[in-house]
Amino acid sequence: MEQNTQFFCIEEFFESIGVTSQKALERLPIDAWEKHVRKSTIFSSWQEMLNSAGEEYANNNFY
């Protein structure tokens, strides 16, 4: 998170947009979520962020 966003951890990232529970995440409009990702990370979409995290995890744990 620190390398690719303004945040120390994913919890801090969620809290910065007001997501403090699963219910709050479900209520958040996808457009607001995508805008937050573009504004506060190096990624152009949530999917790109997830893909990068998955690749990094695999590289660190399986190779």
PDB file of N, CA and C in Angstrom:
ATOM      1  N   MET A   1       0.819  -1.198   0.000  1.00  0.00           N
ATOM      2  CA  MET A   1       0.000   0.000   0.000  1.00  0.00           C
ATOM      3  C   MET A   1       0.860   1.259   0.000  1.00  0.00           C
ATOM      4  N   GLU A   2       1.885   1.265   0.805  1.00  0.00           N
ATOM      5  CA  GLU A   2       2.707   2.469   0.912  1.00  0.00           C
ATOM      6  C   GLU A   2       3.383   2.830  -0.408  1.00  0.00           C
ATOM      7  N   GLN A   3       3.729   1.834  -1.199  1.00  0.00           N
ATOM      8  CA  GLN A   3       4.434   2.096  -2.459  1.00  0.00           C
ATOM      9  C   GLN A   3       3.507   2.649  -3.542  1.00  0.00           C
ATOM     10  N   ASN A   4       2.243   2.292  -3.503  1.00  0.00           N
ATOM     11  CA  ASN A   4       1.340   2.623  -4.602  1.00  0.00           C
ATOM     12  C   ASN A   4       0.186   3.548  -4.246  1.00  0.00           C
ATOM     13  N   THR A   5       0.092   3.938  -2.979  1.00  0.00           N
ATOM     14  CA  THR A   5      -1.001   4.812  -2.543  1.00  0.00           C
ATOM     15  C   THR A   5      -0.461   5.832  -1.547  1.00  0.00           C
ATOM     16  N   GLN A   6      -1.356   6.662  -1.077  1.00  0.00           N
ATOM     17  CA  GLN A   6      -1.031   7.642  -0.032  1.00  0.00           C
ATOM     18  C   GLN A   6      -1.172   7.039   1.364  1.00  0.00           C
ATOM     19  N   PHE A   7      -1.475   5.749   1.448  1.00  0.00           N
ATOM     20  CA  PHE A   7      -1.872   5.143   2.709  1.00  0.00           C
ATOM     21  C   PHE A   7      -0.926   4.050   3.165  1.00  0.00           C
ATOM     22  N   PHE A   8      -0.885   3.844   4.476  1.00  0.00           N
ATOM     23  CA  PHE A   8      -0.045   2.840   5.101  1.00  0.00           C
ATOM     24  C   PHE A   8      -0.616   1.433   4.943  1.00  0.00           C
ATOM     25  N   CYS A   9      -1.950   1.326   5.011  1.00  0.00           N
ATOM     26  CA  CYS A   9      -2.587   0.007   4.963  1.00  0.00           C
ATOM     27  C   CYS A   9      -3.950   0.118   4.291  1.00  0.00           C
ATOM     28  N   ILE A  10      -4.522  -1.017   3.942  1.00  0.00           N
ATOM     29  CA  ILE A  10      -5.820  -1.031   3.256  1.00  0.00           C
ATOM     30  C   ILE A  10      -6.927  -0.473   4.146  1.00  0.00           C
ATOM     31  N   GLU A  11      -6.836  -0.698   5.438  1.00  0.00           N
ATOM     32  CA  GLU A  11      -7.840  -0.157   6.356  1.00  0.00           C
ATOM     33  C   GLU A  11      -7.850   1.373   6.318  1.00  0.00           C
ATOM     34  N   GLU A  12      -6.680   1.970   6.271  1.00  0.00           N
ATOM     35  CA  GLU A  12      -6.575   3.428   6.190  1.00  0.00           C
ATOM     36  C   GLU A  12      -7.168   3.924   4.860  1.00  0.00           C
ATOM     37  N   PHE A  13      -6.912   3.180   3.802  1.00  0.00           N
ATOM     38  CA  PHE A  13      -7.463   3.504   2.487  1.00  0.00           C
ATOM     39  C   PHE A  13      -8.989   3.488   2.531  1.00  0.00           C
ATOM     40  N   PHE A  14      -9.573   2.428   3.098  1.00  0.00           N
ATOM     41  CA  PHE A  14     -11.031   2.340   3.216  1.00  0.00           C
ATOM     42  C   PHE A  14     -11.584   3.477   4.067  1.00  0.00           C
ATOM     43  N   GLU A  15     -10.976   3.726   5.199  1.00  0.00           N
ATOM     44  CA  GLU A  15     -11.463   4.765   6.112  1.00  0.00           C
ATOM     45  C   GLU A  15     -11.422   6.153   5.466  1.00  0.00           C
ATOM     46  N   SER A  16     -10.466   6.380   4.581  1.00  0.00           N
ATOM     47  CA  SER A  16     -10.330   7.697   3.952  1.00  0.00           C
ATOM     48  C   SER A  16     -11.520   8.058   3.071  1.00  0.00           C
ATOM     49  N   ILE A  17     -12.285   7.064   2.669  1.00  0.00           N
ATOM     50  CA  ILE A  17     -13.495   7.337   1.883  1.00  0.00           C
ATOM     51  C   ILE A  17     -14.755   7.040   2.689  1.00  0.00           C
ATOM     52  N   GLY A  18     -14.593   6.762   3.970  1.00  0.00           N
ATOM     53  CA  GLY A  18     -15.738   6.558   4.854  1.00  0.00           C
ATOM     54  C   GLY A  18     -16.209   5.123   4.968  1.00  0.00           C
ATOM     55  N   VAL A  19     -15.415   4.185   4.483  1.00  0.00           N
ATOM     56  CA  VAL A  19     -15.795   2.774   4.560  1.00  0.00           C
ATOM     57  C   VAL A  19     -15.213   2.187   5.839  1.00  0.00           C
ATOM     58  N   THR A  20     -16.105   1.920   6.796  1.00  0.00           N
ATOM     59  CA  THR A  20     -15.672   1.359   8.076  1.00  0.00           C
ATOM     60  C   THR A  20     -16.347   0.019   8.374  1.00  0.00           C
ATOM     61  N   SER A  21     -17.134  -0.457   7.407  1.00  0.00           N
ATOM     62  CA  SER A  21     -17.809  -1.745   7.574  1.00  0.00           C
ATOM     63  C   SER A  21     -18.139  -2.317   6.199  1.00  0.00           C
ATOM     64  N   GLN A  22     -18.489  -3.577   6.170  1.00  0.00           N
ATOM     65  CA  GLN A  22     -18.912  -4.218   4.924  1.00  0.00           C
ATOM     66  C   GLN A  22     -20.149  -3.519   4.366  1.00  0.00           C
ATOM     67  N   LYS A  23     -21.062  -3.165   5.251  1.00  0.00           N
ATOM     68  CA  LYS A  23     -22.299  -2.482   4.829  1.00  0.00           C
ATOM     69  C   LYS A  23     -21.981  -1.126   4.187  1.00  0.00           C
ATOM     70  N   ALA A  24     -21.052  -0.385   4.767  1.00  0.00           N
ATOM     71  CA  ALA A  24     -20.668   0.913   4.202  1.00  0.00           C
ATOM     72  C   ALA A  24     -20.038   0.729   2.822  1.00  0.00           C
ATOM     73  N   LEU A  25     -19.249  -0.323   2.670  1.00  0.00           N
ATOM     74  CA  LEU A  25     -18.638  -0.607   1.366  1.00  0.00           C
ATOM     75  C   LEU A  25     -19.713  -0.938   0.338  1.00  0.00           C
ATOM     76  N   GLU A  26     -20.691  -1.716   0.716  1.00  0.00           N
ATOM     77  CA  GLU A  26     -21.776  -2.088  -0.196  1.00  0.00           C
ATOM     78  C   GLU A  26     -22.621  -0.890  -0.616  1.00  0.00           C
ATOM     79  N   ARG A  27     -22.740   0.106   0.248  1.00  0.00           N
ATOM     80  CA  ARG A  27     -23.542   1.302  -0.063  1.00  0.00           C
ATOM     81  C   ARG A  27     -22.801   2.322  -0.912  1.00  0.00           C
ATOM     82  N   LEU A  28     -21.489   2.238  -0.950  1.00  0.00           N
ATOM     83  CA  LEU A  28     -20.684   3.222  -1.675  1.00  0.00           C
ATOM     84  C   LEU A  28     -20.872   3.056  -3.183  1.00  0.00           C
ATOM     85  N   PRO A  29     -21.253   4.110  -3.876  1.00  0.00           N
ATOM     86  CA  PRO A  29     -21.401   4.011  -5.335  1.00  0.00           C
ATOM     87  C   PRO A  29     -20.066   3.657  -5.992  1.00  0.00           C
ATOM     88  N   ILE A  30     -20.112   2.779  -6.975  1.00  0.00           N
ATOM     89  CA  ILE A  30     -18.897   2.331  -7.643  1.00  0.00           C
ATOM     90  C   ILE A  30     -18.143   3.502  -8.268  1.00  0.00           C
ATOM     91  N   ASP A  31     -18.861   4.490  -8.778  1.00  0.00           N
ATOM     92  CA  ASP A  31     -18.194   5.652  -9.372  1.00  0.00           C
ATOM     93  C   ASP A  31     -17.354   6.396  -8.339  1.00  0.00           C
ATOM     94  N   ALA A  32     -17.863   6.535  -7.122  1.00  0.00           N
ATOM     95  CA  ALA A  32     -17.110   7.196  -6.056  1.00  0.00           C
ATOM     96  C   ALA A  32     -15.878   6.382  -5.688  1.00  0.00           C
ATOM     97  N   TRP A  33     -16.032   5.070  -5.653  1.00  0.00           N
ATOM     98  CA  TRP A  33     -14.904   4.181  -5.329  1.00  0.00           C
ATOM     99  C   TRP A  33     -13.815   4.298  -6.388  1.00  0.00           C
ATOM    100  N   GLU A  34     -14.208   4.217  -7.663  1.00  0.00           N
ATOM    101  CA  GLU A  34     -13.234   4.305  -8.755  1.00  0.00           C
ATOM    102  C   GLU A  34     -12.529   5.663  -8.763  1.00  0.00           C
ATOM    103  N   LYS A  35     -13.269   6.727  -8.506  1.00  0.00           N
ATOM    104  CA  LYS A  35     -12.681   8.066  -8.455  1.00  0.00           C
ATOM    105  C   LYS A  35     -11.655   8.148  -7.322  1.00  0.00           C
ATOM    106  N   HIS A  36     -11.976   7.558  -6.186  1.00  0.00           N
ATOM    107  CA  HIS A  36     -11.058   7.559  -5.043  1.00  0.00           C
ATOM    108  C   HIS A  36      -9.776   6.797  -5.381  1.00  0.00           C
ATOM    109  N   VAL A  37      -9.919   5.675  -6.070  1.00  0.00           N
ATOM    110  CA  VAL A  37      -8.741   4.895  -6.479  1.00  0.00           C
ATOM    111  C   VAL A  37      -7.865   5.732  -7.405  1.00  0.00           C
ATOM    112  N   ARG A  38      -8.464   6.366  -8.402  1.00  0.00           N
ATOM    113  CA  ARG A  38      -7.687   7.183  -9.347  1.00  0.00           C
ATOM    114  C   ARG A  38      -7.012   8.359  -8.656  1.00  0.00           C
ATOM    115  N   LYS A  39      -7.701   8.961  -7.697  1.00  0.00           N
ATOM    116  CA  LYS A  39      -7.198  10.153  -7.011  1.00  0.00           C
ATOM    117  C   LYS A  39      -6.077   9.840  -6.015  1.00  0.00           C
ATOM    118  N   SER A  40      -6.153   8.701  -5.361  1.00  0.00           N
ATOM    119  CA  SER A  40      -5.251   8.463  -4.238  1.00  0.00           C
ATOM    120  C   SER A  40      -4.264   7.306  -4.438  1.00  0.00           C
ATOM    121  N   THR A  41      -4.220   6.763  -5.659  1.00  0.00           N
ATOM    122  CA  THR A  41      -3.273   5.683  -5.942  1.00  0.00           C
ATOM    123  C   THR A  41      -2.620   5.929  -7.300  1.00  0.00           C
ATOM    124  N   ILE A  42      -1.706   5.052  -7.667  1.00  0.00           N
ATOM    125  CA  ILE A  42      -1.088   5.147  -8.988  1.00  0.00           C
ATOM    126  C   ILE A  42      -1.912   4.397 -10.035  1.00  0.00           C
ATOM    127  N   PHE A  43      -3.028   3.826  -9.641  1.00  0.00           N
ATOM    128  CA  PHE A  43      -3.818   2.979 -10.525  1.00  0.00           C
ATOM    129  C   PHE A  43      -4.975   3.743 -11.163  1.00  0.00           C
ATOM    130  N   SER A  44      -5.394   3.265 -12.332  1.00  0.00           N
ATOM    131  CA  SER A  44      -6.503   3.911 -13.033  1.00  0.00           C
ATOM    132  C   SER A  44      -7.845   3.274 -12.702  1.00  0.00           C
ATOM    133  N   SER A  45      -7.833   2.145 -11.977  1.00  0.00           N
ATOM    134  CA  SER A  45      -9.090   1.492 -11.590  1.00  0.00           C
ATOM    135  C   SER A  45      -8.852   0.550 -10.414  1.00  0.00           C
ATOM    136  N   TRP A  46      -9.951   0.175  -9.756  1.00  0.00           N
ATOM    137  CA  TRP A  46      -9.888  -0.780  -8.659  1.00  0.00           C
ATOM    138  C   TRP A  46      -9.390  -2.126  -9.176  1.00  0.00           C
ATOM    139  N   GLN A  47      -9.853  -2.530 -10.364  1.00  0.00           N
ATOM    140  CA  GLN A  47      -9.426  -3.810 -10.918  1.00  0.00           C
ATOM    141  C   GLN A  47      -7.920  -3.831 -11.157  1.00  0.00           C
ATOM    142  N   GLU A  48      -7.380  -2.734 -11.667  1.00  0.00           N
ATOM    143  CA  GLU A  48      -5.930  -2.646 -11.870  1.00  0.00           C
ATOM    144  C   GLU A  48      -5.193  -2.750 -10.536  1.00  0.00           C
ATOM    145  N   MET A  49      -5.725  -2.121  -9.507  1.00  0.00           N
ATOM    146  CA  MET A  49      -5.120  -2.186  -8.173  1.00  0.00           C
ATOM    147  C   MET A  49      -5.150  -3.618  -7.638  1.00  0.00           C
ATOM    148  N   LEU A  50      -6.285  -4.287  -7.779  1.00  0.00           N
ATOM    149  CA  LEU A  50      -6.403  -5.677  -7.327  1.00  0.00           C
ATOM    150  C   LEU A  50      -5.445  -6.601  -8.084  1.00  0.00           C
ATOM    151  N   ASN A  51      -5.380  -6.422  -9.395  1.00  0.00           N
ATOM    152  CA  ASN A  51      -4.484  -7.246 -10.198  1.00  0.00           C
ATOM    153  C   ASN A  51      -3.034  -7.074  -9.761  1.00  0.00           C
ATOM    154  N   SER A  52      -2.630  -5.857  -9.519  1.00  0.00           N
ATOM    155  CA  SER A  52      -1.269  -5.577  -9.085  1.00  0.00           C
ATOM    156  C   SER A  52      -0.985  -6.211  -7.729  1.00  0.00           C
ATOM    157  N   ALA A  53      -1.938  -6.099  -6.822  1.00  0.00           N
ATOM    158  CA  ALA A  53      -1.762  -6.700  -5.497  1.00  0.00           C
ATOM    159  C   ALA A  53      -1.634  -8.212  -5.605  1.00  0.00           C
ATOM    160  N   GLY A  54      -2.437  -8.827  -6.459  1.00  0.00           N
ATOM    161  CA  GLY A  54      -2.365 -10.268  -6.654  1.00  0.00           C
ATOM    162  C   GLY A  54      -1.030 -10.703  -7.236  1.00  0.00           C
ATOM    163  N   GLU A  55      -0.546  -9.964  -8.211  1.00  0.00           N
ATOM    164  CA  GLU A  55       0.753 -10.265  -8.812  1.00  0.00           C
ATOM    165  C   GLU A  55       1.870 -10.135  -7.784  1.00  0.00           C
ATOM    166  N   GLU A  56       1.829  -9.057  -7.015  1.00  0.00           N
ATOM    167  CA  GLU A  56       2.863  -8.856  -6.001  1.00  0.00           C
ATOM    168  C   GLU A  56       2.834  -9.957  -4.944  1.00  0.00           C
ATOM    169  N   TYR A  57       1.643 -10.336  -4.526  1.00  0.00           N
ATOM    170  CA  TYR A  57       1.508 -11.409  -3.547  1.00  0.00           C
ATOM    171  C   TYR A  57       2.082 -12.712  -4.098  1.00  0.00           C
ATOM    172  N   ALA A  58       1.733 -13.032  -5.335  1.00  0.00           N
ATOM    173  CA  ALA A  58       2.229 -14.264  -5.945  1.00  0.00           C
ATOM    174  C   ALA A  58       3.753 -14.244  -6.078  1.00  0.00           C
ATOM    175  N   ASN A  59       4.290 -13.136  -6.524  1.00  0.00           N
ATOM    176  CA  ASN A  59       5.741 -13.016  -6.670  1.00  0.00           C
ATOM    177  C   ASN A  59       6.471 -13.174  -5.345  1.00  0.00           C
ATOM    178  N   ASN A  60       5.884 -12.640  -4.283  1.00  0.00           N
ATOM    179  CA  ASN A  60       6.526 -12.705  -2.969  1.00  0.00           C
ATOM    180  C   ASN A  60       6.345 -14.047  -2.259  1.00  0.00           C
ATOM    181  N   ASN A  61       5.326 -14.802  -2.665  1.00  0.00           N
ATOM    182  CA  ASN A  61       5.014 -16.020  -1.926  1.00  0.00           C
ATOM    183  C   ASN A  61       5.164 -17.319  -2.703  1.00  0.00           C
ATOM    184  N   PHE A  62       5.288 -17.242  -4.008  1.00  0.00           N
ATOM    185  CA  PHE A  62       5.311 -18.476  -4.793  1.00  0.00           C
ATOM    186  C   PHE A  62       6.537 -18.626  -5.680  1.00  0.00           C
ATOM    187  N   TYR A  63       7.389 -17.630  -5.762  1.00  0.00           N
ATOM    188  CA  TYR A  63       8.569 -17.731  -6.634  1.00  0.00           C
ATOM    189  C   TYR A  63       9.845 -17.709  -5.843  1.00  0.00           C
TER     190      TYR A  63
END
